[in-house]
N, C-alpha and C. Protein backbone atom coordinates (compact mmCIF):
# COMPACT_ATOMS: atom_id res chain seq x y z
N MET A 1 63.88 15.87 -66.36
CA MET A 1 64.65 16.53 -67.59
C MET A 1 64.14 16.98 -67.95
N THR A 2 64.18 18.11 -68.74
CA THR A 2 63.05 18.89 -69.36
C THR A 2 63.49 18.16 -71.22
N ARG A 3 62.52 18.47 -71.53
CA ARG A 3 61.94 17.66 -73.50
C ARG A 3 63.14 18.57 -74.25
N LYS A 4 63.79 18.08 -75.04
CA LYS A 4 64.46 19.31 -75.56
C LYS A 4 63.75 18.95 -77.16
N TYR A 5 63.21 20.30 -77.23
CA TYR A 5 62.42 20.29 -79.17
C TYR A 5 63.07 21.01 -80.29
N PHE A 6 63.62 20.18 -81.05
CA PHE A 6 64.14 20.59 -81.97
C PHE A 6 63.64 21.09 -83.44
N THR A 7 64.50 22.52 -83.97
CA THR A 7 64.23 22.12 -85.67
C THR A 7 64.24 20.79 -86.04
N PRO A 8 63.79 21.47 -87.50
CA PRO A 8 64.86 20.64 -88.37
C PRO A 8 65.98 20.96 -88.98
N GLU A 9 66.16 22.13 -88.59
CA GLU A 9 67.91 22.49 -89.29
C GLU A 9 68.33 21.76 -87.49
N GLU A 10 67.72 22.43 -86.92
CA GLU A 10 69.01 22.00 -85.48
C GLU A 10 68.57 19.66 -85.17
N ALA A 11 67.64 19.55 -85.58
CA ALA A 11 67.74 18.19 -86.40
C ALA A 11 68.78 17.56 -87.25
N ASN A 12 68.66 18.09 -88.47
CA ASN A 12 69.37 17.87 -89.98
C ASN A 12 71.52 18.18 -89.04
N ALA A 13 70.97 18.77 -88.42
CA ALA A 13 72.58 19.00 -88.38
C ALA A 13 72.95 18.34 -87.30
N LEU A 14 72.27 17.60 -86.39
CA LEU A 14 72.57 15.86 -85.79
C LEU A 14 73.00 14.93 -86.60
N LEU A 15 72.08 14.89 -87.64
CA LEU A 15 72.79 13.70 -88.30
C LEU A 15 73.61 13.02 -88.28
N PRO A 16 74.41 14.08 -89.31
CA PRO A 16 75.78 13.03 -89.34
C PRO A 16 76.07 12.16 -88.27
N SER A 17 76.37 12.40 -87.13
CA SER A 17 76.20 12.03 -85.62
C SER A 17 75.86 10.56 -85.71
N VAL A 18 74.84 11.04 -85.17
CA VAL A 18 73.69 10.27 -85.49
C VAL A 18 73.96 8.68 -86.20
N LYS A 19 74.15 9.71 -87.44
CA LYS A 19 73.23 7.66 -88.27
C LYS A 19 75.37 7.11 -87.77
N GLN A 20 75.84 7.69 -87.85
CA GLN A 20 77.25 7.17 -87.41
C GLN A 20 77.11 6.51 -85.62
N ASP A 21 76.56 6.50 -85.02
CA ASP A 21 76.16 5.99 -84.17
C ASP A 21 75.06 4.80 -84.08
N LEU A 22 74.02 5.21 -84.91
CA LEU A 22 72.78 3.91 -85.58
C LEU A 22 74.09 2.86 -86.61
N GLU A 23 74.51 3.24 -87.21
CA GLU A 23 75.66 1.89 -88.07
C GLU A 23 75.91 1.67 -87.54
N LYS A 24 76.94 2.48 -86.51
CA LYS A 24 77.76 1.44 -85.33
C LYS A 24 76.85 -0.43 -84.50
N LEU A 25 75.40 0.99 -84.22
CA LEU A 25 74.75 0.10 -83.91
C LEU A 25 73.91 -1.10 -84.12
N GLN A 26 74.06 -1.04 -85.57
CA GLN A 26 73.22 -2.05 -86.08
C GLN A 26 74.23 -3.26 -86.37
N GLN A 27 75.70 -2.53 -86.70
CA GLN A 27 76.47 -3.67 -86.29
C GLN A 27 76.67 -4.36 -85.26
N THR A 28 76.32 -3.89 -84.26
CA THR A 28 76.37 -4.57 -83.30
C THR A 28 75.62 -5.82 -82.64
N LYS A 29 74.76 -5.05 -83.17
CA LYS A 29 73.27 -5.95 -82.74
C LYS A 29 73.32 -6.71 -84.49
N ARG A 30 73.87 -7.36 -85.13
CA ARG A 30 73.75 -8.16 -85.96
C ARG A 30 75.21 -8.90 -85.63
N GLU A 31 76.50 -8.76 -85.63
CA GLU A 31 77.44 -9.22 -84.74
C GLU A 31 76.69 -10.50 -83.56
N PHE A 32 76.75 -8.78 -82.18
CA PHE A 32 75.63 -9.98 -81.65
C PHE A 32 74.58 -11.14 -81.49
N GLU A 33 73.67 -10.88 -82.44
CA GLU A 33 72.78 -12.24 -82.79
C GLU A 33 73.50 -13.46 -83.94
N LEU A 34 74.21 -12.98 -84.01
CA LEU A 34 75.53 -13.96 -84.98
C LEU A 34 76.03 -14.67 -84.25
N LYS A 35 76.07 -14.35 -83.28
CA LYS A 35 77.12 -14.50 -82.63
C LYS A 35 76.45 -15.81 -80.90
N TYR A 36 75.30 -15.27 -80.70
CA TYR A 36 74.51 -15.68 -79.58
C TYR A 36 74.04 -17.09 -80.73
N ARG A 37 73.74 -17.24 -81.70
CA ARG A 37 73.10 -17.73 -82.50
C ARG A 37 74.26 -19.30 -82.09
N GLU A 38 76.05 -18.87 -82.45
CA GLU A 38 77.28 -20.04 -82.48
C GLU A 38 76.73 -19.92 -81.32
N LEU A 39 76.76 -19.46 -80.34
CA LEU A 39 76.34 -20.46 -78.57
C LEU A 39 75.27 -21.11 -78.72
N GLN A 40 74.32 -20.99 -79.06
CA GLN A 40 73.26 -21.65 -79.08
C GLN A 40 73.74 -22.77 -79.60
N GLN A 41 74.22 -22.55 -80.58
CA GLN A 41 73.69 -24.44 -81.19
C GLN A 41 75.29 -25.12 -80.55
N LEU A 42 76.66 -24.00 -80.38
CA LEU A 42 78.09 -25.08 -79.51
C LEU A 42 77.22 -25.80 -78.12
N LYS A 43 76.29 -25.40 -77.49
CA LYS A 43 76.01 -25.95 -76.41
C LYS A 43 74.74 -26.49 -76.47
N GLU A 44 73.88 -26.55 -77.24
CA GLU A 44 73.61 -28.17 -78.31
C GLU A 44 74.17 -29.61 -78.55
N ASN A 45 74.81 -29.05 -78.79
CA ASN A 45 76.07 -30.00 -79.54
C ASN A 45 77.46 -30.03 -78.21
N THR A 46 77.20 -29.49 -77.51
CA THR A 46 78.70 -30.06 -76.39
C THR A 46 78.02 -29.95 -74.95
N THR A 47 78.37 -31.16 -74.56
CA THR A 47 78.90 -31.00 -72.99
C THR A 47 78.96 -29.60 -72.56
N TYR A 48 77.73 -29.40 -71.57
CA TYR A 48 77.89 -27.49 -70.84
C TYR A 48 79.78 -27.66 -69.93
N ALA A 49 78.91 -28.25 -69.17
CA ALA A 49 80.71 -28.03 -68.15
C ALA A 49 82.12 -28.83 -68.31
N SER A 50 83.28 -28.59 -67.99
CA SER A 50 84.35 -29.69 -68.72
C SER A 50 84.21 -30.15 -67.72
N VAL A 51 85.38 -31.26 -68.19
CA VAL A 51 85.65 -32.57 -67.15
C VAL A 51 86.27 -31.66 -66.01
N THR A 52 86.84 -30.44 -65.52
CA THR A 52 86.71 -29.44 -64.45
C THR A 52 86.08 -28.96 -63.55
N GLY A 53 84.57 -28.63 -64.49
CA GLY A 53 83.64 -28.32 -63.45
C GLY A 53 83.78 -26.35 -63.92
N GLU A 54 83.82 -25.97 -64.88
CA GLU A 54 84.15 -25.10 -65.16
C GLU A 54 83.33 -24.55 -66.22
N ASP A 55 82.53 -23.42 -66.27
CA ASP A 55 81.87 -23.19 -67.08
C ASP A 55 82.78 -22.83 -68.59
N SER A 56 82.45 -23.92 -69.79
CA SER A 56 83.37 -23.49 -71.34
C SER A 56 83.01 -23.14 -71.99
N PHE A 57 81.44 -21.84 -72.07
CA PHE A 57 81.04 -21.08 -72.52
C PHE A 57 81.19 -19.85 -72.55
N PHE A 58 81.59 -18.99 -70.67
CA PHE A 58 82.37 -18.12 -69.71
C PHE A 58 82.34 -17.34 -71.20
N GLU A 59 83.66 -17.56 -72.00
CA GLU A 59 84.19 -16.36 -72.73
C GLU A 59 83.52 -15.38 -73.66
N GLN A 60 82.41 -16.45 -74.58
CA GLN A 60 81.52 -15.95 -74.93
C GLN A 60 80.09 -15.54 -74.53
N GLU A 61 80.05 -15.85 -73.51
CA GLU A 61 79.35 -15.24 -72.84
C GLU A 61 79.66 -13.98 -72.56
N CYS A 62 80.39 -14.03 -71.72
CA CYS A 62 81.40 -11.97 -71.76
C CYS A 62 81.51 -11.38 -72.94
N GLU A 63 82.26 -12.12 -73.98
CA GLU A 63 81.92 -11.32 -75.35
C GLU A 63 80.25 -10.77 -75.75
N LEU A 64 79.10 -11.72 -75.54
CA LEU A 64 77.46 -11.17 -75.64
C LEU A 64 77.81 -10.54 -74.48
N GLU A 65 77.92 -10.16 -73.46
CA GLU A 65 77.51 -9.57 -72.44
C GLU A 65 78.46 -7.73 -73.02
N PHE A 66 79.34 -7.91 -72.98
CA PHE A 66 80.14 -6.88 -73.87
C PHE A 66 79.58 -5.75 -74.78
N MET A 67 79.23 -7.13 -76.06
CA MET A 67 78.26 -6.54 -76.91
C MET A 67 77.05 -5.61 -75.93
N GLN A 68 76.07 -5.77 -74.94
CA GLN A 68 75.03 -5.28 -75.26
C GLN A 68 75.16 -4.64 -74.08
N ILE A 69 76.38 -4.02 -73.56
CA ILE A 69 76.94 -2.98 -72.71
C ILE A 69 77.75 -1.91 -74.13
N GLU A 70 78.23 -2.84 -75.27
CA GLU A 70 78.59 -1.37 -76.27
C GLU A 70 77.21 -0.69 -76.89
N ALA A 71 76.14 -1.73 -77.08
CA ALA A 71 74.74 -1.61 -77.85
C ALA A 71 74.38 -0.32 -76.91
N LYS A 72 74.20 -1.34 -75.42
CA LYS A 72 73.26 0.92 -74.55
C LYS A 72 73.72 1.73 -74.07
N SER A 73 75.23 1.67 -74.71
CA SER A 73 76.42 2.61 -74.62
C SER A 73 75.96 4.01 -75.53
N LEU A 74 75.45 2.79 -76.80
CA LEU A 74 75.34 4.45 -78.55
C LEU A 74 73.92 3.93 -78.03
N ILE A 75 72.37 3.28 -77.75
CA ILE A 75 71.21 3.80 -77.29
C ILE A 75 71.23 4.67 -76.40
N ASP A 76 71.94 4.74 -75.45
CA ASP A 76 72.93 5.74 -73.98
C ASP A 76 72.94 7.90 -75.10
N SER A 77 73.87 7.24 -76.26
CA SER A 77 74.64 8.51 -76.56
C SER A 77 73.56 8.87 -77.40
N LEU A 78 72.65 7.94 -78.31
CA LEU A 78 71.05 8.76 -79.60
C LEU A 78 70.32 9.49 -77.49
N GLY A 79 70.65 9.00 -77.25
CA GLY A 79 69.43 9.64 -76.62
C GLY A 79 69.88 11.31 -76.02
N MET A 80 70.95 10.87 -75.29
CA MET A 80 71.81 12.00 -75.06
C MET A 80 71.79 13.63 -75.79
N LYS A 81 71.71 12.82 -77.62
CA LYS A 81 71.11 14.19 -78.08
C LYS A 81 69.84 14.50 -78.39
N GLY A 82 69.23 13.77 -77.69
CA GLY A 82 67.94 13.92 -77.62
C GLY A 82 66.89 13.35 -79.25
N ALA A 83 68.16 12.03 -80.01
CA ALA A 83 67.44 11.39 -81.45
C ALA A 83 66.38 10.83 -80.18
N GLU A 84 65.24 9.46 -80.65
CA GLU A 84 64.62 8.71 -79.87
C GLU A 84 64.74 7.76 -81.27
N ILE A 85 64.79 6.45 -81.11
CA ILE A 85 65.21 5.25 -81.54
C ILE A 85 63.90 4.17 -81.97
N LYS A 86 63.34 4.45 -83.06
CA LYS A 86 62.26 3.35 -83.30
C LYS A 86 62.39 2.68 -83.99
N ASP A 87 62.88 1.66 -84.46
CA ASP A 87 63.20 0.69 -85.54
C ASP A 87 64.86 0.85 -85.89
N ILE A 88 65.87 0.07 -84.95
CA ILE A 88 67.08 -0.21 -85.15
C ILE A 88 67.50 -0.81 -86.79
N ASP A 89 66.85 -2.38 -86.84
CA ASP A 89 67.34 -2.64 -88.14
C ASP A 89 67.19 -1.81 -89.70
N ARG A 90 65.46 -1.02 -89.64
CA ARG A 90 65.12 0.24 -89.76
C ARG A 90 65.93 1.89 -90.60
N GLY A 91 66.74 0.99 -89.01
CA GLY A 91 67.41 3.07 -89.02
C GLY A 91 66.22 4.22 -88.97
N LEU A 92 64.75 3.78 -88.41
CA LEU A 92 63.97 5.31 -87.80
C LEU A 92 64.49 5.28 -86.73
N ILE A 93 64.77 7.26 -86.40
CA ILE A 93 65.11 7.69 -85.74
C ILE A 93 63.69 9.03 -85.86
N ASP A 94 63.70 9.59 -85.05
CA ASP A 94 62.66 10.21 -84.24
C ASP A 94 63.39 11.48 -83.66
N PHE A 95 62.84 12.89 -83.68
CA PHE A 95 63.63 13.63 -82.80
C PHE A 95 62.19 15.06 -82.93
N PRO A 96 61.89 14.72 -81.25
CA PRO A 96 61.05 15.91 -80.72
C PRO A 96 60.67 17.43 -81.26
N ALA A 97 59.53 17.62 -81.47
CA ALA A 97 59.64 18.79 -82.05
C ALA A 97 58.54 19.54 -81.89
N ARG A 98 58.19 20.35 -82.24
CA ARG A 98 57.02 21.39 -81.64
C ARG A 98 56.56 21.78 -83.37
N ILE A 99 54.94 21.66 -83.54
CA ILE A 99 55.02 22.54 -84.91
C ILE A 99 52.99 23.03 -84.80
N GLY A 100 52.84 24.07 -85.03
CA GLY A 100 51.85 24.75 -84.98
C GLY A 100 51.77 24.53 -83.26
N GLY A 101 52.23 24.73 -82.19
CA GLY A 101 52.04 24.37 -81.03
C GLY A 101 51.66 23.30 -80.56
N GLU A 102 51.58 22.32 -81.54
CA GLU A 102 51.10 20.62 -81.44
C GLU A 102 52.98 20.06 -80.94
N ASP A 103 52.96 19.09 -80.02
CA ASP A 103 53.97 17.89 -80.18
C ASP A 103 53.87 17.18 -80.97
N VAL A 104 55.34 17.03 -81.61
CA VAL A 104 55.77 16.02 -83.47
C VAL A 104 56.68 15.53 -83.24
N LEU A 105 57.21 14.51 -83.82
CA LEU A 105 58.15 13.79 -84.10
C LEU A 105 58.78 14.06 -85.50
N LEU A 106 59.95 14.79 -85.45
CA LEU A 106 60.81 14.93 -87.03
C LEU A 106 60.80 13.47 -87.39
N CYS A 107 60.67 13.47 -88.35
CA CYS A 107 61.28 11.76 -88.75
C CYS A 107 61.67 11.29 -89.34
N TRP A 108 63.13 10.63 -89.49
CA TRP A 108 64.35 9.95 -90.07
C TRP A 108 64.29 9.02 -90.03
N MET A 109 64.89 8.30 -91.21
CA MET A 109 64.79 6.26 -91.66
C MET A 109 66.45 6.77 -92.71
N GLN A 110 66.27 6.24 -92.06
CA GLN A 110 68.52 5.93 -93.13
C GLN A 110 68.44 5.91 -94.20
N GLY A 111 68.76 6.29 -95.02
CA GLY A 111 69.66 6.49 -96.70
C GLY A 111 68.12 7.70 -97.08
N GLU A 112 67.80 8.15 -96.11
CA GLU A 112 66.99 9.83 -96.19
C GLU A 112 68.22 11.08 -96.44
N GLU A 113 68.46 11.58 -96.97
CA GLU A 113 69.78 12.89 -96.86
C GLU A 113 69.66 14.06 -95.75
N SER A 114 68.18 13.89 -95.53
CA SER A 114 67.54 14.57 -93.98
C SER A 114 66.65 14.86 -94.10
N ILE A 115 66.24 15.47 -93.10
CA ILE A 115 64.54 15.09 -92.09
C ILE A 115 63.71 16.17 -93.31
N ARG A 116 62.81 14.89 -93.45
CA ARG A 116 62.29 15.58 -94.23
C ARG A 116 60.44 15.88 -93.97
N TYR A 117 59.73 15.26 -93.19
CA TYR A 117 59.32 14.55 -92.90
C TYR A 117 58.83 14.04 -90.76
N TYR A 118 57.22 14.85 -90.68
CA TYR A 118 56.98 14.63 -89.09
C TYR A 118 55.93 13.87 -89.14
N HIS A 119 56.04 13.56 -87.94
CA HIS A 119 54.52 12.53 -87.69
C HIS A 119 53.92 12.92 -85.98
N GLY A 120 52.61 12.98 -85.58
CA GLY A 120 52.28 13.67 -84.43
C GLY A 120 52.93 12.52 -83.62
N VAL A 121 52.82 11.85 -82.70
CA VAL A 121 53.18 11.61 -81.30
C VAL A 121 52.81 10.30 -81.16
N SER A 122 51.73 10.28 -81.14
CA SER A 122 50.85 8.98 -81.33
C SER A 122 50.56 8.46 -83.09
N ASP A 123 51.17 9.03 -83.97
CA ASP A 123 50.31 8.73 -85.45
C ASP A 123 52.00 7.12 -85.72
N GLY A 124 52.85 7.64 -85.55
CA GLY A 124 54.68 6.37 -85.86
C GLY A 124 54.75 6.75 -87.36
N PHE A 125 54.78 5.55 -87.76
CA PHE A 125 55.88 5.84 -89.14
C PHE A 125 54.65 6.39 -90.35
N ALA A 126 53.77 5.21 -90.26
CA ALA A 126 52.38 5.52 -91.06
C ALA A 126 52.16 6.54 -91.34
N GLY A 127 51.87 7.64 -90.40
CA GLY A 127 51.11 8.95 -90.80
C GLY A 127 51.90 9.72 -90.79
N ARG A 128 53.78 9.64 -91.72
CA ARG A 128 54.23 10.52 -92.01
C ARG A 128 54.12 11.53 -93.01
N LYS A 129 54.09 12.57 -91.85
CA LYS A 129 53.60 14.03 -93.40
C LYS A 129 54.88 14.62 -93.67
N ARG A 130 55.28 15.73 -94.91
CA ARG A 130 55.75 16.30 -95.61
C ARG A 130 56.17 17.44 -94.93
N LEU A 131 57.44 17.81 -94.62
CA LEU A 131 57.64 19.16 -93.37
C LEU A 131 58.06 20.17 -94.80
N ASP A 132 56.73 21.69 -94.77
CA ASP A 132 56.57 22.45 -95.15
C ASP A 132 57.46 23.19 -94.98
N SER A 133 58.37 23.59 -96.36
CA SER A 133 59.79 24.37 -96.72
C SER A 133 59.11 25.59 -96.17
């Protein structure tokens, strides 16, 4: 598959859709973590199998599995748009680009109005530089 390179304008045009997917992904992650902790506590305080030998935690485990599928779908959706998720919790998203003939990543963090930074492919967030207008 050919790698798509974005201009800042193209990446900014995708931000509304990317923000929506990211927020859904963050919510799914929070719900998953909460439900997972609740299930672990329940398992610690309950006999695992019921009297009939059935798995008494099957429903909760199915819900967790569904949440994982939902999260993967959101991650795939972002990837199909060309966005690269770097940190779900902080809301860090990169878009491949070329500046001055060099491969870079346009860098956006949740809360920023638009993409105003980039960094080298191996530099990461700490190496962010401001885009020149």
